[in-house]
Protein backbone atom coordinates (compact mmCIF):
# COMPACT_ATOMS: atom_id res chain seq x y z
CA UNK A 1 73.75 -1.05 -55.36
CA UNK A 2 72.77 -1.81 -51.78
CA UNK A 3 72.12 0.89 -49.19
CA UNK A 4 75.27 -0.13 -47.33
CA UNK A 5 77.50 0.16 -50.42
CA UNK A 6 75.94 3.53 -51.31
CA UNK A 7 76.82 4.90 -47.88
CA UNK A 8 80.32 3.51 -48.22
CA UNK A 9 80.76 5.31 -51.55
CA UNK A 10 79.85 8.65 -49.99
CA UNK A 11 82.20 7.94 -47.07
CA UNK A 12 85.02 7.27 -49.53
CA UNK A 13 84.35 10.51 -51.39
CA UNK A 14 84.22 12.53 -48.16
CA UNK A 15 87.50 10.97 -47.03
CA UNK A 16 89.22 11.62 -50.36
CA UNK A 17 87.99 15.23 -50.39
CA UNK A 18 89.44 15.85 -46.92
CA UNK A 19 92.70 13.99 -47.51
CA UNK A 20 93.52 15.54 -50.89
CA UNK A 21 92.36 19.10 -50.28
CA UNK A 22 89.03 19.32 -52.07
CA UNK A 23 86.58 20.02 -49.22
CA UNK A 24 87.01 20.46 -45.46
CA UNK A 25 84.50 20.70 -42.63
CA UNK A 26 83.83 24.36 -41.80
CA UNK A 27 85.42 25.58 -38.54
CA UNK A 28 86.95 22.13 -38.12
CA UNK A 29 89.47 23.00 -35.36
CA UNK A 30 86.52 24.08 -33.18
CA UNK A 31 84.54 20.92 -33.78
CA UNK A 32 82.91 22.11 -36.99
CA UNK A 33 79.62 23.85 -37.70
CA UNK A 34 76.83 21.74 -39.17
CA UNK A 35 75.92 22.56 -42.76
CA UNK A 36 79.06 24.57 -43.52
CA UNK A 37 82.03 23.53 -45.66
CA UNK A 38 85.33 25.05 -46.74
CA UNK A 39 86.81 24.39 -50.17
CA UNK A 40 90.50 23.59 -50.32
CA UNK A 41 92.80 24.37 -53.28
CA UNK A 42 91.60 21.48 -55.47
CA UNK A 43 87.97 22.05 -54.49
CA UNK A 44 88.21 25.72 -55.44
CA UNK A 45 89.74 24.77 -58.80
CA UNK A 46 86.99 22.24 -59.52
CA UNK A 47 84.31 24.71 -58.44
CA UNK A 48 85.73 27.45 -60.65
CA UNK A 49 85.92 25.07 -63.61
CA UNK A 50 82.23 24.24 -63.26
CA UNK A 51 81.29 27.89 -62.75
CA UNK A 52 83.32 29.04 -65.74
CA UNK A 53 81.90 26.33 -67.99
CA UNK A 54 78.36 27.24 -66.93
CA UNK A 55 78.98 30.93 -67.53
CA UNK A 56 80.53 30.29 -70.91
CA UNK A 57 77.66 28.07 -72.08
CA UNK A 58 74.74 30.05 -70.69
CA UNK A 59 76.07 33.63 -70.75
CA UNK A 60 79.23 34.37 -72.75
CA UNK A 61 78.30 32.27 -75.78
CA UNK A 62 74.88 33.95 -76.12
CA UNK A 63 73.70 37.39 -77.21
CA UNK A 64 70.60 37.48 -75.00
CA UNK A 65 72.13 37.16 -71.51
CA UNK A 66 73.21 39.89 -69.10
CA UNK A 67 75.30 39.04 -66.05
CA UNK A 68 74.91 40.67 -62.64
CA UNK A 69 76.37 40.18 -59.17
CA UNK A 70 73.81 41.49 -56.71
CA UNK A 71 74.22 42.21 -53.00
CA UNK A 72 73.67 39.49 -50.41
CA UNK A 73 72.01 42.00 -48.04
CA UNK A 74 68.89 43.58 -49.51
CA UNK A 75 66.12 45.84 -48.26
CA UNK A 76 63.79 43.59 -46.25
CA UNK A 77 60.87 44.85 -48.33
CA UNK A 78 62.26 42.75 -51.18
CA UNK A 79 61.55 39.59 -49.19
CA UNK A 80 58.12 40.81 -48.15
CA UNK A 81 57.27 41.35 -51.82
CA UNK A 82 58.66 37.98 -52.88
CA UNK A 83 56.66 36.11 -50.22
CA UNK A 84 59.69 34.81 -48.33
CA UNK A 85 58.94 36.58 -45.04
CA UNK A 86 55.54 34.93 -44.81
CA UNK A 87 56.08 31.71 -46.72
CA UNK A 88 59.72 30.54 -46.89
CA UNK A 89 59.40 27.70 -44.41
CA UNK A 90 59.89 23.96 -43.93
CA UNK A 91 57.79 21.60 -41.80
CA UNK A 92 59.55 21.20 -38.43
CA UNK A 93 59.00 18.36 -36.00
CA UNK A 94 60.66 17.82 -32.60
CA UNK A 95 61.31 14.63 -30.64
CA UNK A 96 59.57 14.77 -27.27
CA UNK A 97 62.31 12.65 -25.70
CA UNK A 98 65.73 13.83 -27.01
CA UNK A 99 64.45 17.21 -28.27
CA UNK A 100 66.23 16.87 -31.63
CA UNK A 101 64.52 18.52 -34.58
CA UNK A 102 63.89 17.14 -38.04
CA UNK A 103 62.16 18.06 -41.26
CA UNK A 104 58.74 16.41 -41.02
CA UNK A 105 58.74 15.49 -44.72
CA UNK A 106 62.00 13.54 -44.21
CA UNK A 107 60.56 11.30 -41.48
CA UNK A 108 58.88 8.15 -42.75
CA UNK A 109 57.48 6.94 -39.40
CA UNK A 110 56.11 8.90 -36.46
CA UNK A 111 59.09 8.00 -34.30
CA UNK A 112 62.40 9.76 -33.74
CA UNK A 113 65.11 8.29 -36.02
CA UNK A 114 67.72 9.02 -33.34
CA UNK A 115 66.24 7.64 -30.11
CA UNK A 116 62.90 6.10 -31.06
CA UNK A 117 60.94 8.61 -28.99
CA UNK A 118 57.59 10.12 -29.92
CA UNK A 119 57.36 13.17 -32.17
CA UNK A 120 55.46 16.35 -31.41
CA UNK A 121 53.17 18.39 -33.62
CA UNK A 122 54.40 19.66 -36.97
CA UNK A 123 55.25 23.38 -37.08
CA UNK A 124 56.33 25.81 -39.80
CA UNK A 125 59.95 26.98 -39.55
CA UNK A 126 61.11 30.03 -41.54
CA UNK A 127 64.53 29.27 -42.99
CA UNK A 128 65.80 32.82 -43.50
CA UNK A 129 68.76 34.05 -41.45
CA UNK A 130 67.78 37.33 -39.79
CA UNK A 131 70.24 40.03 -38.68
CA UNK A 132 70.35 43.77 -38.08
CA UNK A 133 72.06 46.47 -40.08
CA UNK A 134 73.51 49.62 -38.56
CA UNK A 135 74.21 50.62 -34.96
CA UNK A 136 70.62 50.43 -33.68
CA UNK A 137 68.52 47.29 -33.43
CA UNK A 138 64.83 47.90 -34.10
CA UNK A 139 62.16 46.91 -36.61
CA UNK A 140 63.63 49.09 -39.35
CA UNK A 141 67.13 47.62 -38.97
CA UNK A 142 66.10 44.03 -39.74
CA UNK A 143 67.66 42.48 -42.85
CA UNK A 144 68.05 38.92 -44.06
CA UNK A 145 70.87 36.96 -45.63
CA UNK A 146 69.32 36.27 -49.01
CA UNK A 147 67.68 32.82 -49.25
CA UNK A 148 67.87 32.88 -53.06
CA UNK A 149 69.71 34.81 -55.79
CA UNK A 150 66.63 35.32 -57.97
CA UNK A 151 65.39 38.52 -56.33
CA UNK A 152 68.70 40.26 -57.01
CA UNK A 153 67.96 39.83 -60.71
CA UNK A 154 64.33 40.92 -60.48
CA UNK A 155 65.15 44.14 -58.61
CA UNK A 156 67.75 44.92 -61.30
CA UNK A 157 65.33 44.30 -64.19
CA UNK A 158 64.73 48.03 -64.69
CA UNK A 159 68.46 48.80 -64.50
CA UNK A 160 69.22 46.30 -67.27
CA UNK A 161 66.37 47.69 -69.39
CA UNK A 162 67.54 51.30 -68.91
CA UNK A 163 71.25 50.54 -69.48
CA UNK A 164 71.13 48.04 -72.34
CA UNK A 165 67.63 48.24 -73.91
CA UNK A 166 67.41 44.50 -74.59
CA UNK A 167 64.65 43.02 -76.73
CA UNK A 168 62.56 40.10 -75.53
CA UNK A 169 63.39 37.34 -74.97
CA UNK A 170 66.46 37.98 -72.81
CA UNK A 171 67.91 36.76 -69.55
CA UNK A 172 69.65 38.09 -66.44
CA UNK A 173 72.15 35.64 -64.94
CA UNK A 174 74.25 35.37 -61.82
CA UNK A 175 76.23 32.98 -59.69
CA UNK A 176 76.15 33.73 -55.99
CA UNK A 177 75.71 32.64 -52.40
CA UNK A 178 72.42 32.04 -50.67
CA UNK A 179 71.74 31.14 -47.04
CA UNK A 180 69.11 28.79 -45.68
CA UNK A 181 68.74 27.81 -42.05
CA UNK A 182 68.20 24.14 -42.87
CA UNK A 183 66.60 22.12 -40.09
CA UNK A 184 68.76 19.08 -40.81
CA UNK A 185 71.74 19.59 -43.15
CA UNK A 186 72.89 16.22 -44.49
CA UNK A 187 74.64 14.14 -47.13
CA UNK A 188 77.93 16.05 -47.14
CA UNK A 189 77.62 19.20 -49.32
CA UNK A 190 74.26 18.15 -50.75
CA UNK A 191 72.18 20.03 -48.18
CA UNK A 192 74.07 22.93 -46.61
CA UNK A 193 73.17 26.16 -44.85
CA UNK A 194 75.49 28.26 -47.01
CA UNK A 195 75.20 27.43 -50.69
CA UNK A 196 75.91 28.79 -54.14
CA UNK A 197 73.41 28.91 -56.97
CA UNK A 198 73.95 29.34 -60.70
CA UNK A 199 70.77 30.59 -62.32
CA UNK A 200 69.12 33.05 -64.65
CA UNK A 201 65.74 34.66 -65.12
CA UNK A 202 64.66 34.48 -68.75
CA UNK A 203 62.03 37.07 -69.67
CA UNK A 204 59.50 36.23 -72.40
CA UNK A 205 56.07 37.21 -73.62
CA UNK A 206 53.38 35.22 -71.84
CA UNK A 207 52.19 33.59 -75.07
CA UNK A 208 55.70 32.11 -75.64
CA UNK A 209 56.41 30.63 -72.21
CA UNK A 210 55.63 27.01 -73.14
CA UNK A 211 57.87 27.10 -76.22
CA UNK A 212 60.81 28.47 -74.23
CA UNK A 213 60.15 26.08 -71.36
CA UNK A 214 60.82 23.17 -73.70
CA UNK A 215 63.81 24.99 -75.21
CA UNK A 216 65.50 25.42 -71.83
CA UNK A 217 64.56 21.91 -70.80
CA UNK A 218 66.65 20.60 -73.69
CA UNK A 219 69.50 23.02 -72.97
CA UNK A 220 69.64 21.87 -69.36
CA UNK A 221 69.95 18.25 -70.51
CA UNK A 222 72.78 19.34 -72.84
CA UNK A 223 74.48 20.97 -69.85
CA UNK A 224 74.46 17.73 -67.90
CA UNK A 225 76.03 16.03 -70.92
CA UNK A 226 78.79 18.67 -70.86
CA UNK A 227 79.57 17.62 -67.27
CA UNK A 228 80.12 14.04 -68.42
CA UNK A 229 76.79 12.70 -67.14
CA UNK A 230 74.96 9.98 -69.03
CA UNK A 231 71.22 9.91 -69.69
CA UNK A 232 70.62 7.35 -66.96
CA UNK A 233 72.32 9.65 -64.41
CA UNK A 234 69.56 12.24 -64.70
CA UNK A 235 65.84 11.89 -64.10
CA UNK A 236 63.22 14.56 -64.78
CA UNK A 237 60.50 14.99 -62.19
CA UNK A 238 57.35 16.98 -62.97
CA UNK A 239 56.20 18.72 -59.78
CA UNK A 240 52.42 18.42 -59.36
CA UNK A 241 49.94 21.07 -58.25
CA UNK A 242 50.10 21.72 -54.54
CA UNK A 243 53.79 20.81 -54.27
CA UNK A 244 55.31 23.58 -56.38
CA UNK A 245 56.80 26.77 -54.96
CA UNK A 246 54.28 29.55 -54.41
CA UNK A 247 55.50 31.48 -57.46
CA UNK A 248 55.52 28.62 -59.97
CA UNK A 249 52.87 27.57 -62.49
CA UNK A 250 55.00 24.71 -63.79
CA UNK A 251 58.22 23.15 -62.45
CA UNK A 252 60.41 20.31 -63.67
CA UNK A 253 63.15 19.22 -61.27
CA UNK A 254 66.25 17.42 -62.49
CA UNK A 255 67.46 14.63 -60.21
CA UNK A 256 70.96 13.14 -60.26
CA UNK A 257 71.79 9.63 -59.11
CA UNK A 258 73.57 10.51 -55.85
CA UNK A 259 74.81 7.79 -53.48
CA UNK A 260 71.86 8.36 -51.12
CA UNK A 261 69.21 8.35 -53.91
CA UNK A 262 68.08 10.21 -57.01
CA UNK A 263 67.79 13.77 -55.72
CA UNK A 264 67.52 17.32 -56.98
CA UNK A 265 70.50 18.92 -58.72
CA UNK A 266 68.61 21.66 -60.54
CA UNK A 267 65.23 22.79 -61.75
CA UNK A 268 63.26 24.70 -64.35
CA UNK A 269 60.36 26.84 -63.15
CA UNK A 270 57.80 28.99 -64.91
CA UNK A 271 57.48 31.89 -62.46
CA UNK A 272 54.86 33.73 -64.58
CA UNK A 273 54.86 37.49 -63.85
CA UNK A 274 54.64 36.84 -60.10
CA UNK A 275 57.87 38.54 -59.06
CA UNK A 276 57.83 41.64 -61.26
CA UNK A 277 54.14 42.23 -60.50
CA UNK A 278 54.73 41.99 -56.75
CA UNK A 279 57.72 44.32 -56.91
CA UNK A 280 55.64 46.86 -58.85
CA UNK A 281 52.97 46.66 -56.15
CA UNK A 282 55.36 46.92 -53.19
CA UNK A 283 57.89 49.41 -54.58
CA UNK A 284 55.60 51.63 -56.61
CA UNK A 285 58.12 51.51 -59.49
CA UNK A 286 56.94 50.70 -63.01
CA UNK A 287 58.69 47.52 -64.17
CA UNK A 288 56.74 47.08 -67.37
CA UNK A 289 58.51 46.31 -70.64
CA UNK A 290 57.95 48.59 -73.65
CA UNK A 291 57.83 46.79 -77.00
CA UNK A 292 59.48 49.25 -79.40
CA UNK A 293 57.75 47.71 -82.42
CA UNK A 294 54.16 47.79 -81.13
CA UNK A 295 54.56 50.53 -78.49
CA UNK A 296 52.79 48.15 -76.10
CA UNK A 297 53.66 47.98 -72.40
CA UNK A 298 53.32 44.75 -70.44
CA UNK A 299 54.88 42.72 -67.63
CA UNK A 300 57.08 39.94 -69.04
CA UNK A 301 56.76 36.38 -67.80
CA UNK A 302 59.77 34.49 -66.50
CA UNK A 303 61.40 31.10 -66.92
CA UNK A 304 64.01 30.21 -64.31
CA UNK A 305 66.63 27.48 -64.85
CA UNK A 306 68.38 26.92 -61.50
CA UNK A 307 71.53 24.91 -60.78
CA UNK A 308 72.88 24.19 -57.28
CA UNK A 309 76.65 24.60 -57.51
CA UNK A 310 77.50 22.49 -54.44
CA UNK A 311 75.24 19.72 -55.68
CA UNK A 312 76.93 19.91 -59.06
CA UNK A 313 80.34 19.54 -57.42
CA UNK A 314 79.14 16.50 -55.46
CA UNK A 315 77.58 14.99 -58.59
CA UNK A 316 80.78 15.49 -60.61
CA UNK A 317 82.79 13.83 -57.81
CA UNK A 318 80.35 10.91 -57.59
CA UNK A 319 80.41 10.40 -61.35
CA UNK A 320 84.21 10.65 -61.48
CA UNK A 321 85.03 8.37 -58.52
CA UNK A 322 86.42 5.12 -59.91
CA UNK A 323 88.13 2.07 -58.46
CA UNK A 324 89.98 -0.34 -60.76
CA UNK A 325 93.12 -2.41 -61.03
CA UNK A 326 96.16 -1.21 -62.99
CA UNK A 327 99.48 -3.04 -63.21
CA UNK A 328 98.26 -5.65 -60.78
CA UNK A 329 97.45 -3.06 -58.10
CA UNK A 330 94.16 -1.58 -56.99
CA UNK A 331 93.86 2.15 -57.48
CA UNK A 332 91.37 4.98 -56.95
CA UNK A 333 91.09 7.72 -59.53
CA UNK A 334 88.76 10.57 -60.41
CA UNK A 335 87.67 10.25 -64.01
CA UNK A 336 86.84 13.91 -64.62
CA UNK A 337 86.30 15.21 -68.12
CA UNK A 338 89.70 16.71 -68.97
CA UNK A 339 88.41 20.29 -68.99
CA UNK A 340 86.92 19.96 -65.49
CA UNK A 341 89.99 18.45 -63.80
CA UNK A 342 91.49 20.75 -61.11
CA UNK A 343 94.99 19.91 -62.36
CA UNK A 344 95.27 19.31 -66.10
CA UNK A 345 98.88 18.17 -66.39
CA UNK A 346 101.60 17.07 -63.96
CA UNK A 347 105.28 17.42 -64.89
CA UNK A 348 107.78 14.92 -63.45
CA UNK A 349 111.56 14.75 -63.67
CA UNK A 350 112.42 11.05 -63.64
CA UNK A 351 114.87 11.56 -60.75
CA UNK A 352 114.91 14.49 -58.33
CA UNK A 353 118.64 14.08 -57.60
CA UNK A 354 119.66 14.75 -61.21
CA UNK A 355 119.88 18.54 -61.60
CA UNK A 356 119.82 18.38 -65.41
CA UNK A 357 116.48 16.50 -65.37
CA UNK A 358 114.97 18.82 -62.77
CA UNK A 359 116.09 21.90 -64.70
CA UNK A 360 114.63 20.58 -67.96
CA UNK A 361 111.37 19.61 -66.25
CA UNK A 362 111.12 23.02 -64.57
CA UNK A 363 111.55 24.72 -67.92
CA UNK A 364 108.75 22.69 -69.53
CA UNK A 365 106.56 23.28 -66.46
CA UNK A 366 107.02 27.07 -66.62
CA UNK A 367 106.40 27.21 -70.37
CA UNK A 368 103.30 25.03 -70.19
CA UNK A 369 101.92 26.99 -67.23
CA UNK A 370 101.81 30.09 -69.44
CA UNK A 371 99.34 28.25 -71.70
CA UNK A 372 97.58 25.96 -69.18
CA UNK A 373 97.72 27.51 -65.69
CA UNK A 374 96.45 24.38 -63.91
CA UNK A 375 99.76 22.49 -64.09
CA UNK A 376 101.54 20.73 -61.22
CA UNK A 377 105.22 19.91 -60.66
CA UNK A 378 106.02 16.79 -58.65
CA UNK A 379 109.42 15.21 -58.00
CA UNK A 380 108.65 13.49 -54.70
CA UNK A 381 108.93 9.69 -54.59
CA UNK A 382 109.13 7.17 -57.40
CA UNK A 383 107.22 7.60 -60.65
CA UNK A 384 104.62 4.98 -59.74
CA UNK A 385 103.66 6.76 -56.54
CA UNK A 386 103.49 10.08 -58.36
CA UNK A 387 101.14 8.57 -60.93
CA UNK A 388 98.86 7.29 -58.18
CA UNK A 389 98.79 10.66 -56.41
CA UNK A 390 97.78 12.40 -59.60
CA UNK A 391 95.22 9.71 -60.47
CA UNK A 392 93.54 10.21 -57.11
CA UNK A 393 92.96 13.93 -57.76
CA UNK A 394 91.90 13.37 -61.36
CA UNK A 395 94.88 14.75 -63.31
CA UNK A 396 94.34 13.52 -66.91
CA UNK A 397 97.97 13.64 -68.10
CA UNK A 398 101.38 13.11 -66.54
CA UNK A 399 104.54 14.10 -68.40
CA UNK A 400 107.87 12.51 -67.51
CA UNK A 401 111.24 14.07 -68.40
CA UNK A 402 114.01 11.45 -68.57
CA UNK A 403 117.51 11.12 -70.00
CA UNK A 404 116.17 10.61 -73.54
CA UNK A 405 114.54 14.03 -73.20
CA UNK A 406 117.98 15.57 -72.81
CA UNK A 407 119.17 13.80 -75.96
CA UNK A 408 116.25 14.22 -78.38
CA UNK A 409 113.70 16.60 -76.80
CA UNK A 410 111.05 13.90 -76.42
CA UNK A 411 108.90 13.24 -73.36
CA UNK A 412 106.61 10.45 -72.13
CA UNK A 413 102.98 11.38 -71.63
CA UNK A 414 100.70 9.07 -69.64
CA UNK A 415 96.89 8.91 -69.79
CA UNK A 416 95.08 8.74 -66.43
CA UNK A 417 92.17 6.57 -67.54
CA UNK A 418 94.07 3.56 -68.90
CA UNK A 419 97.67 4.22 -67.87
CA UNK A 420 98.88 4.04 -71.47
CA UNK A 421 101.98 6.01 -72.39
CA UNK A 422 103.29 7.49 -75.59
CA UNK A 423 106.40 9.30 -76.64
CA UNK A 424 106.29 12.68 -78.36
CA UNK A 425 108.34 15.77 -79.07
CA UNK A 426 108.20 18.61 -76.57
CA UNK A 427 107.15 20.83 -79.47
CA UNK A 428 104.03 18.66 -79.91
CA UNK A 429 103.09 18.62 -76.23
CA UNK A 430 101.38 22.01 -76.06
CA UNK A 431 99.07 21.40 -79.01
CA UNK A 432 98.34 17.87 -77.76
CA UNK A 433 97.22 19.18 -74.36
CA UNK A 434 95.30 22.13 -75.78
CA UNK A 435 93.31 19.88 -78.13
CA UNK A 436 92.25 17.57 -75.30
CA UNK A 437 91.27 20.33 -72.92
CA UNK A 438 89.00 21.98 -75.45
CA UNK A 439 85.33 21.50 -74.55
CA UNK A 440 83.36 20.35 -77.60
CA UNK A 441 79.96 22.12 -77.50
């Protein structure tokens, strides 16, 4: 695919997301705010579906995971201990002519990509958002919007130990917002200043880290399969010495085939005992683990699988976006896995001016919504236009109630992917839908 066609694909996705209520520019009526995005009704539904699937696979289905939801604002000493105050920075470079700023590692030539002017010296730019807490602004009132969710799990390590007494190995998981003052947000929701991360810290004995690294590496690949990605959509990238984060002894990044290029969607890092050891040193609190069998105390080592939620949403949209021809007409549809689709089923009365059809359709809609909440009712326009509207937002099944329904309690159900239709009893509809929405692990 050429560079031009790749850019066009992203433009089409951005346009569809705005038009159909997936994602809007943040603060749009005031001209927007770079690097911020608002999720509309369908975007929220898609986001929740991905979150819930992740939580079910990595937390609820396991016996060794403990979920938390830590505060966004934390004592600033947390970030001193983690190394973020001194080291959470990107290389910044400024154009001497137009004064625009860029990430130095994103500039291929030593000229401004905007105006062609010369570039100044590279500087370090700390990406944490700083604010003050309380009524007085001084050194002790400084806090930061968290740049990562990981530290919220590390500072709760002792709480989980004291409350639940887990045995190694075990993990602490959370999904939450982080904030990074990106120099140059870009590529739609790929690089934003306000982002959500799905991740967990998995605590192991040092001698077992390599074994569990490979274990989670495989599980992460399984996760991408659950999202409907194929093997060629994902590329693993081993991060060499000198390029890894300051806390990592080994990192493998997972890159998805986005329109702009293969780029990071998640990662797996071996954080050693860096975080717990630093928090012991800075807080004075003992965060050692006591092995009940050997009575030995030690600091566990940590493996961290990390998943960017916004980047997952973009990847799912990219993978789902499809253009084809159906019935002699071109169409656009989102080929989501059924269980990820924001709307699972749409219910149509054949004609909106026939009260008996509308009443029957409303009854089926209400009954089905008790079982599958993500159901839509649509009686606006002809059936063909309704099909196209639902195709464009990725609804897998459309159910039409017609005059035969009134006579024999049968309905027509249409498949989004190929447009094929079949007739079935209303009594069979619920089990049919439930079977196809079930995620096969």
